[in-house]
C-alpha atoms as a PDB file:
ATOM      1  CA  MET A   1      85.889  74.586 -45.931  1.00  0.00           C
ATOM      2  CA  SER A   2      85.408  76.460 -42.519  1.00  0.00           C
ATOM      3  CA  ASN A   3      83.687  79.634 -42.379  1.00  0.00           C
ATOM      4  CA  PHE A   4      86.037  82.402 -41.502  1.00  0.00           C
ATOM      5  CA  PRO A   5      85.845  86.276 -41.435  1.00  0.00           C
ATOM      6  CA  ILE A   6      87.058  87.513 -44.570  1.00  0.00           C
ATOM      7  CA  PHE A   7      89.079  90.830 -44.292  1.00  0.00           C
ATOM      8  CA  PRO A   8      90.071  91.383 -47.365  1.00  0.00           C
ATOM      9  CA  ASP A   9      93.041  93.670 -47.012  1.00  0.00           C
ATOM     10  CA  LEU A  10      94.923  90.105 -45.661  1.00  0.00           C
ATOM     11  CA  LYS A  11      94.239  88.584 -49.575  1.00  0.00           C
ATOM     12  CA  ASP A  12      97.875  88.630 -51.370  1.00  0.00           C
ATOM     13  CA  ALA A  13      99.281  89.377 -47.767  1.00  0.00           C
ATOM     14  CA  SER A  14     102.674  87.644 -46.852  1.00  0.00           C
ATOM     15  CA  VAL A  15     101.654  85.812 -43.718  1.00  0.00           C
ATOM     16  CA  LEU A  16     104.254  83.587 -41.949  1.00  0.00           C
ATOM     17  CA  ILE A  17     102.892  81.927 -38.591  1.00  0.00           C
ATOM     18  CA  THR A  18     105.024  79.666 -36.311  1.00  0.00           C
ATOM     19  CA  GLY A  19     104.029  76.063 -35.050  1.00  0.00           C
ATOM     20  CA  GLY A  20     101.289  76.886 -38.222  1.00  0.00           C
ATOM     21  CA  GLY A  21     100.956  72.288 -38.615  1.00  0.00           C
ATOM     22  CA  SER A  22      98.850  71.257 -36.269  1.00  0.00           C
ATOM     23  CA  GLY A  23      96.556  72.440 -33.105  1.00  0.00           C
ATOM     24  CA  ILE A  24      95.838  76.135 -33.104  1.00  0.00           C
ATOM     25  CA  GLY A  25      98.742  76.780 -35.570  1.00  0.00           C
ATOM     26  CA  ALA A  26      96.794  74.478 -38.284  1.00  0.00           C
ATOM     27  CA  ALA A  27      93.760  76.622 -37.510  1.00  0.00           C
ATOM     28  CA  LEU A  28      95.703  79.695 -37.901  1.00  0.00           C
ATOM     29  CA  THR A  29      97.439  78.706 -41.398  1.00  0.00           C
ATOM     30  CA  GLU A  30      94.558  77.768 -42.702  1.00  0.00           C
ATOM     31  CA  GLY A  31      92.006  80.738 -41.711  1.00  0.00           C
ATOM     32  CA  PHE A  32      95.003  82.876 -43.578  1.00  0.00           C
ATOM     33  CA  VAL A  33      94.701  80.428 -46.659  1.00  0.00           C
ATOM     34  CA  ALA A  34      90.784  81.150 -46.339  1.00  0.00           C
ATOM     35  CA  GLN A  35      91.663  84.666 -46.766  1.00  0.00           C
ATOM     36  CA  GLY A  36      94.024  84.526 -50.191  1.00  0.00           C
ATOM     37  CA  ALA A  37      96.631  85.080 -48.315  1.00  0.00           C
ATOM     38  CA  LYS A  38     100.692  83.573 -48.973  1.00  0.00           C
ATOM     39  CA  VAL A  39     100.521  81.752 -46.303  1.00  0.00           C
ATOM     40  CA  ALA A  40     103.679  80.659 -44.900  1.00  0.00           C
ATOM     41  CA  PHE A  41     104.362  78.259 -41.957  1.00  0.00           C
ATOM     42  CA  ILE A  42     107.240  76.935 -39.678  1.00  0.00           C
ATOM     43  CA  ASP A  43     106.762  73.501 -38.178  1.00  0.00           C
ATOM     44  CA  ILE A  44     108.644  70.521 -37.089  1.00  0.00           C
ATOM     45  CA  ALA A  45     106.265  67.612 -37.798  1.00  0.00           C
ATOM     46  CA  ASP A  46     106.502  66.017 -41.158  1.00  0.00           C
ATOM     47  CA  ALA A  47     103.459  64.101 -41.261  1.00  0.00           C
ATOM     48  CA  ALA A  48     100.880  66.584 -39.901  1.00  0.00           C
ATOM     49  CA  SER A  49     102.328  69.909 -42.333  1.00  0.00           C
ATOM     50  CA  GLN A  50     102.244  67.505 -45.098  1.00  0.00           C
ATOM     51  CA  ALA A  51      98.774  66.128 -44.151  1.00  0.00           C
ATOM     52  CA  LEU A  52      97.784  70.356 -43.776  1.00  0.00           C
ATOM     53  CA  CYS A  53      99.449  71.424 -46.959  1.00  0.00           C
ATOM     54  CA  ALA A  54      97.330  69.074 -49.068  1.00  0.00           C
ATOM     55  CA  LYS A  55      94.127  68.894 -47.394  1.00  0.00           C
ATOM     56  CA  LEU A  56      94.017  73.092 -47.564  1.00  0.00           C
ATOM     57  CA  GLU A  57      95.200  73.029 -51.715  1.00  0.00           C
ATOM     58  CA  THR A  58      92.457  70.061 -51.492  1.00  0.00           C
ATOM     59  CA  ALA A  59      89.968  72.787 -49.741  1.00  0.00           C
ATOM     60  CA  TYR A  60      90.642  76.010 -51.285  1.00  0.00           C
ATOM     61  CA  GLY A  61      93.171  75.461 -54.211  1.00  0.00           C
ATOM     62  CA  ALA A  62      95.960  76.873 -52.570  1.00  0.00           C
ATOM     63  CA  LYS A  63      98.960  75.560 -50.895  1.00  0.00           C
ATOM     64  CA  PRO A  64     100.648  77.131 -48.035  1.00  0.00           C
ATOM     65  CA  LEU A  65     104.368  76.634 -47.772  1.00  0.00           C
ATOM     66  CA  TYR A  66     105.830  74.634 -44.897  1.00  0.00           C
ATOM     67  CA  ILE A  67     109.135  75.338 -43.716  1.00  0.00           C
ATOM     68  CA  LYS A  68     110.718  72.622 -41.588  1.00  0.00           C
ATOM     69  CA  ALA A  69     112.645  74.697 -39.134  1.00  0.00           C
ATOM     70  CA  ASP A  70     114.101  74.512 -35.399  1.00  0.00           C
ATOM     71  CA  LEU A  71     112.727  77.355 -33.550  1.00  0.00           C
ATOM     72  CA  SER A  72     115.025  76.683 -30.993  1.00  0.00           C
ATOM     73  CA  ASP A  73     118.161  77.639 -33.631  1.00  0.00           C
ATOM     74  CA  GLU A  74     118.363  81.880 -34.185  1.00  0.00           C
ATOM     75  CA  LEU A  75     120.497  80.284 -37.427  1.00  0.00           C
ATOM     76  CA  ALA A  76     117.480  78.343 -38.794  1.00  0.00           C
ATOM     77  CA  ILE A  77     115.253  80.935 -38.252  1.00  0.00           C
ATOM     78  CA  THR A  78     116.800  83.486 -40.467  1.00  0.00           C
ATOM     79  CA  ASP A  79     116.181  80.894 -42.944  1.00  0.00           C
ATOM     80  CA  ALA A  80     113.136  80.200 -42.338  1.00  0.00           C
ATOM     81  CA  VAL A  81     112.543  83.919 -43.119  1.00  0.00           C
ATOM     82  CA  ASN A  82     114.230  84.502 -45.686  1.00  0.00           C
ATOM     83  CA  LYS A  83     112.900  81.239 -47.641  1.00  0.00           C
ATOM     84  CA  ALA A  84     109.418  82.678 -46.997  1.00  0.00           C
ATOM     85  CA  VAL A  85     110.428  85.735 -48.489  1.00  0.00           C
ATOM     86  CA  SER A  86     112.186  84.724 -51.392  1.00  0.00           C
ATOM     87  CA  GLU A  87     108.786  82.127 -51.996  1.00  0.00           C
ATOM     88  CA  ASN A  88     106.136  84.985 -51.252  1.00  0.00           C
ATOM     89  CA  GLY A  89     107.636  88.675 -50.631  1.00  0.00           C
ATOM     90  CA  SER A  90     108.582  90.647 -47.628  1.00  0.00           C
ATOM     91  CA  ILE A  91     106.373  89.477 -44.626  1.00  0.00           C
ATOM     92  CA  THR A  92     103.406  91.401 -42.803  1.00  0.00           C
ATOM     93  CA  VAL A  93     102.068  89.544 -40.945  1.00  0.00           C
ATOM     94  CA  LEU A  94     104.190  87.443 -38.007  1.00  0.00           C
ATOM     95  CA  VAL A  95     101.818  85.440 -35.775  1.00  0.00           C
ATOM     96  CA  ASN A  96     104.032  83.439 -33.240  1.00  0.00           C
ATOM     97  CA  ASN A  97     102.606  80.914 -32.355  1.00  0.00           C
ATOM     98  CA  ALA A  98     104.813  77.688 -31.537  1.00  0.00           C
ATOM     99  CA  ALA A  99     104.654  76.828 -27.798  1.00  0.00           C
ATOM    100  CA  TRP A 100     105.715  73.745 -25.889  1.00  0.00           C
ATOM    101  CA  ASP A 101     103.090  73.296 -23.058  1.00  0.00           C
ATOM    102  CA  ASP A 102     104.890  70.104 -20.961  1.00  0.00           C
ATOM    103  CA  ARG A 103     103.704  69.909 -17.357  1.00  0.00           C
ATOM    104  CA  HIS A 104     106.737  69.766 -14.713  1.00  0.00           C
ATOM    105  CA  LYS A 105     107.636  69.335 -11.529  1.00  0.00           C
ATOM    106  CA  ILE A 106     109.332  71.893  -9.630  1.00  0.00           C
ATOM    107  CA  ALA A 107     112.216  69.791  -8.433  1.00  0.00           C
ATOM    108  CA  ASP A 108     112.808  67.535 -11.731  1.00  0.00           C
ATOM    109  CA  VAL A 109     113.536  71.574 -13.757  1.00  0.00           C
ATOM    110  CA  ASP A 110     117.259  71.895 -14.425  1.00  0.00           C
ATOM    111  CA  ALA A 111     119.335  74.058 -16.166  1.00  0.00           C
ATOM    112  CA  ALA A 112     118.609  72.401 -19.690  1.00  0.00           C
ATOM    113  CA  TYR A 113     115.388  72.066 -19.161  1.00  0.00           C
ATOM    114  CA  TRP A 114     114.746  75.499 -18.833  1.00  0.00           C
ATOM    115  CA  ASP A 115     116.759  76.622 -21.706  1.00  0.00           C
ATOM    116  CA  LYS A 116     114.323  74.689 -23.806  1.00  0.00           C
ATOM    117  CA  ASN A 117     110.981  75.748 -22.299  1.00  0.00           C
ATOM    118  CA  ILE A 118     112.009  79.090 -22.409  1.00  0.00           C
ATOM    119  CA  ALA A 119     113.614  78.801 -25.927  1.00  0.00           C
ATOM    120  CA  ILE A 120     109.942  77.035 -27.233  1.00  0.00           C
ATOM    121  CA  ASN A 121     107.424  79.278 -25.309  1.00  0.00           C
ATOM    122  CA  LEU A 122     109.516  82.774 -25.758  1.00  0.00           C
ATOM    123  CA  ARG A 123     112.732  83.208 -26.773  1.00  0.00           C
ATOM    124  CA  HIS A 124     111.635  81.862 -30.806  1.00  0.00           C
ATOM    125  CA  GLN A 125     109.132  85.390 -30.507  1.00  0.00           C
ATOM    126  CA  PHE A 126     111.876  87.472 -30.211  1.00  0.00           C
ATOM    127  CA  PHE A 127     114.321  86.040 -32.718  1.00  0.00           C
ATOM    128  CA  MET A 128     111.477  85.939 -35.566  1.00  0.00           C
ATOM    129  CA  ILE A 129     110.663  89.228 -34.908  1.00  0.00           C
ATOM    130  CA  GLN A 130     113.832  90.776 -35.439  1.00  0.00           C
ATOM    131  CA  ALA A 131     114.644  88.582 -38.466  1.00  0.00           C
ATOM    132  CA  VAL A 132     111.498  90.418 -40.321  1.00  0.00           C
ATOM    133  CA  VAL A 133     110.830  93.454 -38.833  1.00  0.00           C
ATOM    134  CA  GLU A 134     113.227  95.227 -40.872  1.00  0.00           C
ATOM    135  CA  ARG A 135     111.360  93.949 -44.364  1.00  0.00           C
ATOM    136  CA  MET A 136     108.567  94.606 -42.517  1.00  0.00           C
ATOM    137  CA  LYS A 137     109.111  98.516 -42.064  1.00  0.00           C
ATOM    138  CA  SER A 138     110.214  98.439 -45.835  1.00  0.00           C
ATOM    139  CA  ALA A 139     106.792  97.110 -46.585  1.00  0.00           C
ATOM    140  CA  GLY A 140     105.514 100.788 -45.300  1.00  0.00           C
ATOM    141  CA  GLY A 141     104.418  98.064 -41.323  1.00  0.00           C
ATOM    142  CA  GLY A 142     102.593  95.307 -40.474  1.00  0.00           C
ATOM    143  CA  ALA A 143     101.250  93.067 -37.879  1.00  0.00           C
ATOM    144  CA  ILE A 144     102.378  90.724 -35.196  1.00  0.00           C
ATOM    145  CA  VAL A 145     100.127  88.743 -33.027  1.00  0.00           C
ATOM    146  CA  ASN A 146     102.174  86.745 -30.413  1.00  0.00           C
ATOM    147  CA  PHE A 147     100.416  83.742 -28.922  1.00  0.00           C
ATOM    148  CA  THR A 148     100.511  83.628 -24.416  1.00  0.00           C
ATOM    149  CA  SER A 149      98.635  82.092 -22.229  1.00  0.00           C
ATOM    150  CA  THR A 150      95.226  82.474 -19.810  1.00  0.00           C
ATOM    151  CA  SER A 151      97.809  79.735 -17.683  1.00  0.00           C
ATOM    152  CA  TYR A 152      99.462  82.282 -15.675  1.00  0.00           C
ATOM    153  CA  MET A 153      96.919  84.294 -14.862  1.00  0.00           C
ATOM    154  CA  LEU A 154      95.032  81.086 -13.316  1.00  0.00           C
ATOM    155  CA  ASN A 155      98.404  80.720 -11.236  1.00  0.00           C
ATOM    156  CA  ILE A 156      98.204  77.048 -12.759  1.00  0.00           C
ATOM    157  CA  GLY A 157     101.084  75.621 -10.843  1.00  0.00           C
ATOM    158  CA  ASP A 158     101.527  72.349 -13.274  1.00  0.00           C
ATOM    159  CA  MET A 159     103.479  74.240 -14.753  1.00  0.00           C
ATOM    160  CA  PRO A 160     105.783  76.990 -14.116  1.00  0.00           C
ATOM    161  CA  VAL A 161     108.307  77.717 -16.989  1.00  0.00           C
ATOM    162  CA  TYR A 162     105.781  77.429 -19.424  1.00  0.00           C
ATOM    163  CA  THR A 163     104.260  79.973 -17.121  1.00  0.00           C
ATOM    164  CA  ALA A 164     107.021  82.199 -16.903  1.00  0.00           C
ATOM    165  CA  ALA A 165     107.408  81.949 -20.176  1.00  0.00           C
ATOM    166  CA  LYS A 166     103.847  82.815 -21.522  1.00  0.00           C
ATOM    167  CA  GLY A 167     103.747  85.736 -18.693  1.00  0.00           C
ATOM    168  CA  GLY A 168     107.103  87.329 -20.703  1.00  0.00           C
ATOM    169  CA  VAL A 169     105.565  86.914 -23.788  1.00  0.00           C
ATOM    170  CA  VAL A 170     103.269  89.858 -22.462  1.00  0.00           C
ATOM    171  CA  GLY A 171     106.044  91.782 -21.869  1.00  0.00           C
ATOM    172  CA  LEU A 172     107.568  91.363 -24.770  1.00  0.00           C
ATOM    173  CA  THR A 173     104.462  92.312 -26.924  1.00  0.00           C
ATOM    174  CA  LYS A 174     103.958  95.485 -24.481  1.00  0.00           C
ATOM    175  CA  GLY A 175     107.723  96.467 -24.725  1.00  0.00           C
ATOM    176  CA  LEU A 176     108.262  95.703 -28.592  1.00  0.00           C
ATOM    177  CA  ALA A 177     104.391  97.466 -29.672  1.00  0.00           C
ATOM    178  CA  GLY A 178     106.000 101.206 -28.465  1.00  0.00           C
ATOM    179  CA  LYS A 179     109.447 100.739 -29.975  1.00  0.00           C
ATOM    180  CA  LEU A 180     107.501  99.308 -33.604  1.00  0.00           C
ATOM    181  CA  GLY A 181     104.491 101.993 -33.050  1.00  0.00           C
ATOM    182  CA  PRO A 182     106.228 105.015 -35.194  1.00  0.00           C
ATOM    183  CA  ASP A 183     107.633 102.091 -37.894  1.00  0.00           C
ATOM    184  CA  ASN A 184     103.196 101.427 -38.354  1.00  0.00           C
ATOM    185  CA  ILE A 185     103.916  97.826 -37.019  1.00  0.00           C
ATOM    186  CA  ARG A 186     101.749  96.862 -34.251  1.00  0.00           C
ATOM    187  CA  VAL A 187     101.943  94.592 -31.868  1.00  0.00           C
ATOM    188  CA  ASN A 188      99.537  92.642 -29.808  1.00  0.00           C
ATOM    189  CA  ALA A 189      98.772  89.110 -28.163  1.00  0.00           C
ATOM    190  CA  ILE A 190      96.242  86.500 -27.680  1.00  0.00           C
ATOM    191  CA  ALA A 191      95.523  83.970 -24.807  1.00  0.00           C
ATOM    192  CA  PRO A 192      93.390  81.415 -25.468  1.00  0.00           C
ATOM    193  CA  GLY A 193      92.024  79.318 -22.831  1.00  0.00           C
ATOM    194  CA  TRP A 194      91.770  75.870 -22.531  1.00  0.00           C
ATOM    195  CA  VAL A 195      91.261  74.569 -26.400  1.00  0.00           C
ATOM    196  CA  MET A 196      90.195  71.468 -26.870  1.00  0.00           C
ATOM    197  CA  THR A 197      93.507  70.098 -29.522  1.00  0.00           C
ATOM    198  CA  GLU A 198      94.381  66.662 -30.247  1.00  0.00           C
ATOM    199  CA  ARG A 199      97.118  67.077 -27.936  1.00  0.00           C
ATOM    200  CA  GLN A 200      95.377  68.403 -24.883  1.00  0.00           C
ATOM    201  CA  LYS A 201      93.112  65.378 -25.959  1.00  0.00           C
ATOM    202  CA  GLU A 202      95.580  62.824 -26.141  1.00  0.00           C
ATOM    203  CA  LEU A 203      97.673  63.713 -23.125  1.00  0.00           C
ATOM    204  CA  TRP A 204      95.495  66.048 -20.327  1.00  0.00           C
ATOM    205  CA  ALA A 205      91.863  66.097 -20.926  1.00  0.00           C
ATOM    206  CA  THR A 206      89.061  64.182 -19.093  1.00  0.00           C
ATOM    207  CA  PRO A 207      85.614  64.075 -19.643  1.00  0.00           C
ATOM    208  CA  GLU A 208      85.831  65.013 -15.759  1.00  0.00           C
ATOM    209  CA  SER A 209      89.110  67.740 -15.984  1.00  0.00           C
ATOM    210  CA  VAL A 210      87.100  69.062 -19.450  1.00  0.00           C
ATOM    211  CA  ALA A 211      83.414  69.486 -17.350  1.00  0.00           C
ATOM    212  CA  GLU A 212      84.901  70.999 -15.341  1.00  0.00           C
ATOM    213  CA  ASN A 213      86.896  73.923 -16.749  1.00  0.00           C
ATOM    214  CA  THR A 214      83.683  74.393 -19.136  1.00  0.00           C
ATOM    215  CA  ALA A 215      81.565  75.536 -16.220  1.00  0.00           C
ATOM    216  CA  GLN A 216      83.881  77.890 -15.347  1.00  0.00           C
ATOM    217  CA  GLN A 217      83.798  78.920 -18.643  1.00  0.00           C
ATOM    218  CA  SER A 218      80.408  81.656 -19.497  1.00  0.00           C
ATOM    219  CA  LEU A 219      80.361  80.548 -23.438  1.00  0.00           C
ATOM    220  CA  LYS A 220      79.628  76.928 -22.307  1.00  0.00           C
ATOM    221  CA  HIS A 221      81.078  74.573 -24.604  1.00  0.00           C
ATOM    222  CA  GLU A 222      84.510  73.636 -25.143  1.00  0.00           C
ATOM    223  CA  LEU A 223      86.727  75.849 -26.953  1.00  0.00           C
ATOM    224  CA  GLN A 224      87.727  74.814 -30.791  1.00  0.00           C
ATOM    225  CA  PRO A 225      91.319  75.786 -32.520  1.00  0.00           C
ATOM    226  CA  LEU A 226      88.710  77.601 -35.252  1.00  0.00           C
ATOM    227  CA  GLU A 227      88.019  79.744 -32.316  1.00  0.00           C
ATOM    228  CA  MET A 228      91.077  80.929 -32.137  1.00  0.00           C
ATOM    229  CA  ALA A 229      91.600  81.862 -35.882  1.00  0.00           C
ATOM    230  CA  GLY A 230      89.362  84.715 -35.860  1.00  0.00           C
ATOM    231  CA  PRO A 231      90.666  86.624 -32.908  1.00  0.00           C
ATOM    232  CA  CYS A 232      94.079  86.466 -34.846  1.00  0.00           C
ATOM    233  CA  LEU A 233      92.879  87.506 -38.091  1.00  0.00           C
ATOM    234  CA  PHE A 234      91.241  90.818 -37.504  1.00  0.00           C
ATOM    235  CA  LEU A 235      94.003  91.243 -34.985  1.00  0.00           C
ATOM    236  CA  ALA A 236      96.196  91.121 -38.165  1.00  0.00           C
ATOM    237  CA  SER A 237      94.096  93.175 -40.467  1.00  0.00           C
ATOM    238  CA  LYS A 238      93.067  96.631 -40.695  1.00  0.00           C
ATOM    239  CA  SER A 239      89.958  96.445 -38.956  1.00  0.00           C
ATOM    240  CA  ALA A 240      92.487  96.288 -36.140  1.00  0.00           C
ATOM    241  CA  SER A 241      94.419  99.466 -37.144  1.00  0.00           C
ATOM    242  CA  ALA A 242      93.782 100.995 -34.018  1.00  0.00           C
ATOM    243  CA  ILE A 243      95.454  98.545 -31.392  1.00  0.00           C
ATOM    244  CA  THR A 244      98.593  97.960 -30.379  1.00  0.00           C
ATOM    245  CA  ALA A 245     100.096  96.528 -27.100  1.00  0.00           C
ATOM    246  CA  GLN A 246      96.988  94.740 -26.184  1.00  0.00           C
ATOM    247  CA  VAL A 247      96.131  90.941 -24.963  1.00  0.00           C
ATOM    248  CA  LEU A 248      93.071  89.327 -25.878  1.00  0.00           C
ATOM    249  CA  ILE A 249      91.528  86.913 -24.392  1.00  0.00           C
ATOM    250  CA  ALA A 250      89.728  84.163 -25.741  1.00  0.00           C
ATOM    251  CA  ASP A 251      88.704  81.682 -22.713  1.00  0.00           C
ATOM    252  CA  GLY A 252      85.493  81.173 -23.107  1.00  0.00           C
ATOM    253  CA  GLY A 253      84.550  83.633 -20.372  1.00  0.00           C
ATOM    254  CA  ILE A 254      86.457  82.400 -17.216  1.00  0.00           C
ATOM    255  CA  LEU A 255      88.976  86.051 -16.719  1.00  0.00           C
END
């Protein structure tokens, strides 16, 4: 059990998280379960998601609702949202976390790859919001937290389609914050730095690259997934009631 900050207004809130079964998403799922929220999460990784549900039920006595769905499929998004609402009530907190940070060369990108990358990293965030927003309005308002990335701010060149999508997340966040503010719906974004998830450690992190990144941070420790939960909980809670259209950078102080 982790030592999360507690935001009393999140107790019993209906929360839906995309990509909530592993990495940063698993930390977010745990963070909201620790609040006593009614949590549902969407993922496609069965083994990791089932293991997370069992772990959280043991630790907190509460089991989140795991919904398997392909977020590149608009109909699957609608079905997943309907299932979450049926189980937990109208969603008042939506966290769009799912992403695919695949490295790729410019010459290797074709239209199919571009469309797949944008669908996972940007498009699903819009259609998730579209699917929940009317219910959120009916509930009197809510909070949407979209995950972007510092990669596009740092001119990282190894994943240009991904960085384009993550830049687009900021535009989406700001545009919808302006549109939905009158309905008491806040829309913000979080931009993590290099967080040491198992995926990062398996695929890209080396002792040298991690040491170099940490040296550039003002805070001299490797960033962990659980460190992204606090900012997300804050933005989802009424403690952030005057905050919308913002991007919270959580990168240890590189930017």
